[in-house]
C-alpha atoms as a PDB file:
ATOM      1  CA  MET A   1      26.313  15.947 -80.430  1.00  0.00           C
ATOM      2  CA  ARG A   2      24.143  13.204 -78.326  1.00  0.00           C
ATOM      3  CA  GLU A   3      20.356  13.074 -78.662  1.00  0.00           C
ATOM      4  CA  VAL A   4      18.068  11.752 -76.119  1.00  0.00           C
ATOM      5  CA  SER A   5      14.411  10.720 -76.478  1.00  0.00           C
ATOM      6  CA  LEU A   6      12.213  12.102 -74.214  1.00  0.00           C
ATOM      7  CA  ARG A   7       8.628  11.093 -73.365  1.00  0.00           C
ATOM      8  CA  LEU A   8       6.699  13.367 -71.123  1.00  0.00           C
ATOM      9  CA  MET A   9       3.480  15.223 -70.262  1.00  0.00           C
ATOM     10  CA  VAL A  10       3.449  19.127 -70.791  1.00  0.00           C
ATOM     11  CA  ASN A  11       0.416  20.717 -69.916  1.00  0.00           C
ATOM     12  CA  GLY A  12      -1.833  17.650 -70.230  1.00  0.00           C
ATOM     13  CA  GLU A  13      -0.460  17.055 -73.612  1.00  0.00           C
ATOM     14  CA  ARG A  14       1.774  13.697 -74.416  1.00  0.00           C
ATOM     15  CA  ILE A  15       4.920  14.896 -75.757  1.00  0.00           C
ATOM     16  CA  ALA A  16       7.688  12.587 -77.512  1.00  0.00           C
ATOM     17  CA  ARG A  17      10.546  14.549 -78.944  1.00  0.00           C
ATOM     18  CA  THR A  18      14.185  13.714 -79.641  1.00  0.00           C
ATOM     19  CA  VAL A  19      16.758  16.382 -78.075  1.00  0.00           C
ATOM     20  CA  GLU A  20      20.235  17.462 -77.801  1.00  0.00           C
ATOM     21  CA  ALA A  21      21.201  15.679 -74.128  1.00  0.00           C
ATOM     22  CA  ARG A  22      22.395  19.161 -73.103  1.00  0.00           C
ATOM     23  CA  ARG A  23      19.455  20.910 -74.294  1.00  0.00           C
ATOM     24  CA  THR A  24      17.773  22.775 -71.049  1.00  0.00           C
ATOM     25  CA  LEU A  25      13.942  22.571 -70.041  1.00  0.00           C
ATOM     26  CA  ALA A  26      13.767  26.423 -70.502  1.00  0.00           C
ATOM     27  CA  ASP A  27      15.102  26.014 -74.090  1.00  0.00           C
ATOM     28  CA  PHE A  28      12.644  22.952 -74.927  1.00  0.00           C
ATOM     29  CA  LEU A  29      10.015  24.597 -73.599  1.00  0.00           C
ATOM     30  CA  ARG A  30      10.240  28.038 -75.312  1.00  0.00           C
ATOM     31  CA  ASP A  31      11.938  26.913 -78.567  1.00  0.00           C
ATOM     32  CA  ASP A  32      10.803  23.687 -79.493  1.00  0.00           C
ATOM     33  CA  LEU A  33       6.722  23.635 -77.823  1.00  0.00           C
ATOM     34  CA  SER A  34       6.544  27.749 -78.296  1.00  0.00           C
ATOM     35  CA  LEU A  35       5.639  27.866 -74.593  1.00  0.00           C
ATOM     36  CA  THR A  36       7.083  31.209 -74.301  1.00  0.00           C
ATOM     37  CA  GLY A  37       5.562  32.203 -71.164  1.00  0.00           C
ATOM     38  CA  THR A  38       8.690  30.446 -69.326  1.00  0.00           C
ATOM     39  CA  HIS A  39      10.896  33.341 -69.432  1.00  0.00           C
ATOM     40  CA  LEU A  40      14.840  33.445 -69.534  1.00  0.00           C
ATOM     41  CA  GLY A  41      16.098  35.759 -66.898  1.00  0.00           C
ATOM     42  CA  CYS A  42      19.457  34.781 -65.383  1.00  0.00           C
ATOM     43  CA  GLU A  43      20.150  31.720 -66.526  1.00  0.00           C
ATOM     44  CA  HIS A  44      21.570  30.747 -63.480  1.00  0.00           C
ATOM     45  CA  GLY A  45      18.703  30.140 -61.669  1.00  0.00           C
ATOM     46  CA  VAL A  46      18.566  32.778 -59.428  1.00  0.00           C
ATOM     47  CA  CYS A  47      15.592  35.155 -60.362  1.00  0.00           C
ATOM     48  CA  GLY A  48      12.853  32.635 -60.975  1.00  0.00           C
ATOM     49  CA  ALA A  49      11.545  33.810 -63.989  1.00  0.00           C
ATOM     50  CA  CYS A  50      12.157  30.407 -65.848  1.00  0.00           C
ATOM     51  CA  THR A  51       9.836  28.303 -62.950  1.00  0.00           C
ATOM     52  CA  VAL A  52       7.604  25.981 -63.808  1.00  0.00           C
ATOM     53  CA  LEU A  53       6.052  22.858 -62.397  1.00  0.00           C
ATOM     54  CA  LEU A  54       7.805  19.167 -62.538  1.00  0.00           C
ATOM     55  CA  ASN A  55       5.504  16.738 -61.011  1.00  0.00           C
ATOM     56  CA  GLY A  56       3.916  19.470 -58.934  1.00  0.00           C
ATOM     57  CA  ASP A  57       7.142  21.090 -57.684  1.00  0.00           C
ATOM     58  CA  ALA A  58       8.325  24.512 -58.713  1.00  0.00           C
ATOM     59  CA  VAL A  59      11.806  24.244 -60.008  1.00  0.00           C
ATOM     60  CA  ARG A  60      13.983  26.401 -62.314  1.00  0.00           C
ATOM     61  CA  SER A  61      13.722  25.152 -65.896  1.00  0.00           C
ATOM     62  CA  CYS A  62      16.755  26.989 -66.627  1.00  0.00           C
ATOM     63  CA  LEU A  63      19.010  24.583 -64.449  1.00  0.00           C
ATOM     64  CA  MET A  64      17.794  21.659 -65.488  1.00  0.00           C
ATOM     65  CA  PHE A  65      18.335  19.695 -68.850  1.00  0.00           C
ATOM     66  CA  ALA A  66      15.127  18.254 -70.884  1.00  0.00           C
ATOM     67  CA  ALA A  67      16.220  15.019 -70.287  1.00  0.00           C
ATOM     68  CA  GLN A  68      15.804  15.181 -66.844  1.00  0.00           C
ATOM     69  CA  ALA A  69      12.179  15.834 -67.231  1.00  0.00           C
ATOM     70  CA  ASP A  70      11.476  12.690 -69.032  1.00  0.00           C
ATOM     71  CA  GLY A  71       8.619  10.773 -67.662  1.00  0.00           C
ATOM     72  CA  ALA A  72       7.497  13.593 -65.625  1.00  0.00           C
ATOM     73  CA  GLU A  73       4.824  16.005 -66.068  1.00  0.00           C
ATOM     74  CA  VAL A  74       5.389  19.598 -66.456  1.00  0.00           C
ATOM     75  CA  THR A  75       3.199  22.603 -66.029  1.00  0.00           C
ATOM     76  CA  THR A  76       4.027  25.915 -67.433  1.00  0.00           C
ATOM     77  CA  ILE A  77       2.277  29.088 -66.724  1.00  0.00           C
ATOM     78  CA  GLU A  78       0.269  28.183 -70.257  1.00  0.00           C
ATOM     79  CA  GLY A  79      -0.793  25.319 -68.632  1.00  0.00           C
ATOM     80  CA  LEU A  80      -2.374  27.134 -65.544  1.00  0.00           C
ATOM     81  CA  SER A  81      -4.614  28.991 -67.666  1.00  0.00           C
ATOM     82  CA  GLU A  82      -8.287  29.153 -67.777  1.00  0.00           C
ATOM     83  CA  PRO A  83      -9.646  26.915 -70.076  1.00  0.00           C
ATOM     84  CA  ALA A  84     -11.862  29.806 -71.227  1.00  0.00           C
ATOM     85  CA  GLY A  85      -9.119  32.387 -71.450  1.00  0.00           C
ATOM     86  CA  GLY A  86      -9.784  34.091 -68.932  1.00  0.00           C
ATOM     87  CA  LEU A  87      -7.712  34.890 -65.400  1.00  0.00           C
ATOM     88  CA  THR A  88      -7.422  32.157 -62.853  1.00  0.00           C
ATOM     89  CA  PRO A  89      -7.987  33.224 -59.214  1.00  0.00           C
ATOM     90  CA  ILE A  90      -3.973  34.031 -58.574  1.00  0.00           C
ATOM     91  CA  GLN A  91      -3.626  36.053 -61.904  1.00  0.00           C
ATOM     92  CA  ALA A  92      -6.630  38.032 -60.943  1.00  0.00           C
ATOM     93  CA  ALA A  93      -5.418  38.568 -57.337  1.00  0.00           C
ATOM     94  CA  PHE A  94      -2.061  39.693 -59.323  1.00  0.00           C
ATOM     95  CA  GLN A  95      -3.899  42.287 -61.036  1.00  0.00           C
ATOM     96  CA  ALA A  96      -6.297  43.419 -58.659  1.00  0.00           C
ATOM     97  CA  GLU A  97      -3.506  44.682 -56.098  1.00  0.00           C
ATOM     98  CA  HIS A  98      -0.701  45.483 -58.994  1.00  0.00           C
ATOM     99  CA  GLY A  99       1.579  42.733 -58.628  1.00  0.00           C
ATOM    100  CA  LEU A 100       3.444  43.257 -61.602  1.00  0.00           C
ATOM    101  CA  GLN A 101       4.589  45.974 -63.823  1.00  0.00           C
ATOM    102  CA  CYS A 102       6.667  44.755 -66.483  1.00  0.00           C
ATOM    103  CA  GLY A 103       5.016  41.638 -66.563  1.00  0.00           C
ATOM    104  CA  TYR A 104       8.495  39.606 -67.633  1.00  0.00           C
ATOM    105  CA  CYS A 105       9.011  38.159 -64.020  1.00  0.00           C
ATOM    106  CA  THR A 106       5.127  37.697 -63.507  1.00  0.00           C
ATOM    107  CA  PRO A 107       4.858  34.132 -65.038  1.00  0.00           C
ATOM    108  CA  GLY A 108       7.664  32.774 -62.771  1.00  0.00           C
ATOM    109  CA  PHE A 109       5.876  34.084 -59.446  1.00  0.00           C
ATOM    110  CA  VAL A 110       2.644  33.025 -60.458  1.00  0.00           C
ATOM    111  CA  VAL A 111       3.999  29.409 -60.595  1.00  0.00           C
ATOM    112  CA  SER A 112       5.651  29.947 -57.661  1.00  0.00           C
ATOM    113  CA  ALA A 113       2.731  31.191 -56.081  1.00  0.00           C
ATOM    114  CA  HIS A 114       0.590  27.959 -57.476  1.00  0.00           C
ATOM    115  CA  ALA A 115       2.743  25.430 -56.087  1.00  0.00           C
ATOM    116  CA  PHE A 116       3.434  27.687 -52.446  1.00  0.00           C
ATOM    117  CA  LEU A 117      -0.406  27.939 -52.207  1.00  0.00           C
ATOM    118  CA  ALA A 118      -0.908  24.214 -52.848  1.00  0.00           C
ATOM    119  CA  GLU A 119       0.786  23.103 -50.056  1.00  0.00           C
ATOM    120  CA  HIS A 120       0.194  26.222 -47.481  1.00  0.00           C
ATOM    121  CA  PRO A 121      -3.650  27.200 -47.882  1.00  0.00           C
ATOM    122  CA  ASN A 122      -3.500  29.979 -45.509  1.00  0.00           C
ATOM    123  CA  PRO A 123      -0.090  30.903 -44.830  1.00  0.00           C
ATOM    124  CA  SER A 124       1.506  34.458 -42.672  1.00  0.00           C
ATOM    125  CA  ASP A 125       3.030  37.168 -44.718  1.00  0.00           C
ATOM    126  CA  GLU A 126       5.976  36.064 -43.684  1.00  0.00           C
ATOM    127  CA  GLU A 127       5.730  32.827 -45.199  1.00  0.00           C
ATOM    128  CA  ILE A 128       4.546  34.399 -48.392  1.00  0.00           C
ATOM    129  CA  ARG A 129       7.566  36.628 -48.421  1.00  0.00           C
ATOM    130  CA  GLU A 130       9.886  33.825 -47.785  1.00  0.00           C
ATOM    131  CA  ALA A 131       7.934  31.312 -50.510  1.00  0.00           C
ATOM    132  CA  MET A 132       8.502  34.326 -53.083  1.00  0.00           C
ATOM    133  CA  SER A 133      11.686  35.130 -51.704  1.00  0.00           C
ATOM    134  CA  GLY A 134      13.256  32.801 -54.784  1.00  0.00           C
ATOM    135  CA  ASN A 135      11.947  35.277 -57.631  1.00  0.00           C
ATOM    136  CA  LEU A 136      13.490  38.406 -58.565  1.00  0.00           C
ATOM    137  CA  CYS A 137      11.696  41.555 -59.535  1.00  0.00           C
ATOM    138  CA  ARG A 138      13.228  44.944 -60.734  1.00  0.00           C
ATOM    139  CA  CYS A 139       9.978  46.557 -60.688  1.00  0.00           C
ATOM    140  CA  THR A 140       7.286  46.392 -57.991  1.00  0.00           C
ATOM    141  CA  GLY A 141       9.038  46.709 -54.837  1.00  0.00           C
ATOM    142  CA  TYR A 142       7.007  43.470 -53.863  1.00  0.00           C
ATOM    143  CA  GLN A 143       4.493  44.803 -51.480  1.00  0.00           C
ATOM    144  CA  GLY A 144       1.721  44.116 -54.459  1.00  0.00           C
ATOM    145  CA  ILE A 145       3.242  40.470 -55.018  1.00  0.00           C
ATOM    146  CA  ILE A 146       2.855  39.506 -51.713  1.00  0.00           C
ATOM    147  CA  ALA A 147      -0.916  40.886 -51.360  1.00  0.00           C
ATOM    148  CA  ALA A 148      -1.712  39.329 -54.420  1.00  0.00           C
ATOM    149  CA  VAL A 149      -0.562  35.837 -52.833  1.00  0.00           C
ATOM    150  CA  LYS A 150      -2.321  36.677 -49.710  1.00  0.00           C
ATOM    151  CA  ARG A 151      -5.282  37.998 -51.530  1.00  0.00           C
ATOM    152  CA  ALA A 152      -5.210  34.434 -53.367  1.00  0.00           C
ATOM    153  CA  ALA A 153      -5.095  32.495 -50.421  1.00  0.00           C
ATOM    154  CA  ASN A 154      -7.645  34.283 -48.658  1.00  0.00           C
ATOM    155  CA  ASN A 155      -9.807  33.317 -51.565  1.00  0.00           C
ATOM    156  CA  GLY A 156      -8.698  29.984 -51.296  1.00  0.00           C
ATOM    157  CA  SER A 157      -7.462  29.277 -54.189  1.00  0.00           C
ATOM    158  CA  SER A 158      -4.288  27.226 -55.775  1.00  0.00           C
ATOM    159  CA  SER A 159      -4.965  27.636 -59.223  1.00  0.00           C
END
């Protein structure tokens, strides 16, 4: 088993670890750093449940090796939380618009919405649908999710 050394920032904290070369970023975050908000759904990059920010861009952490994040800044759903423990504007919009049911896909949607709204602060409904189309939900029917992202955009938030 080949091991590699990593140095990266995760949710604002400097991390230095040695990991197996083939360890995925998702497994590293969940198992090594106990950041279990990053969920594993399909493990093929289709569902979006494992979405994290890598240097500000939304990526599927199940499709990357942890070693590929060496030197990068990774932000998980835990890193998007309010310091005092309250809901972020995007999270509050998901709550207000009933953009979640079981909650399994929600962290991936919130991270994706964060990255999207940072680049598109005033999106159309069609742009929101397109941006969120990379995340799958088996419970909600998507209307609440689209409404939540629209609400967050109307409140001028990318956090």
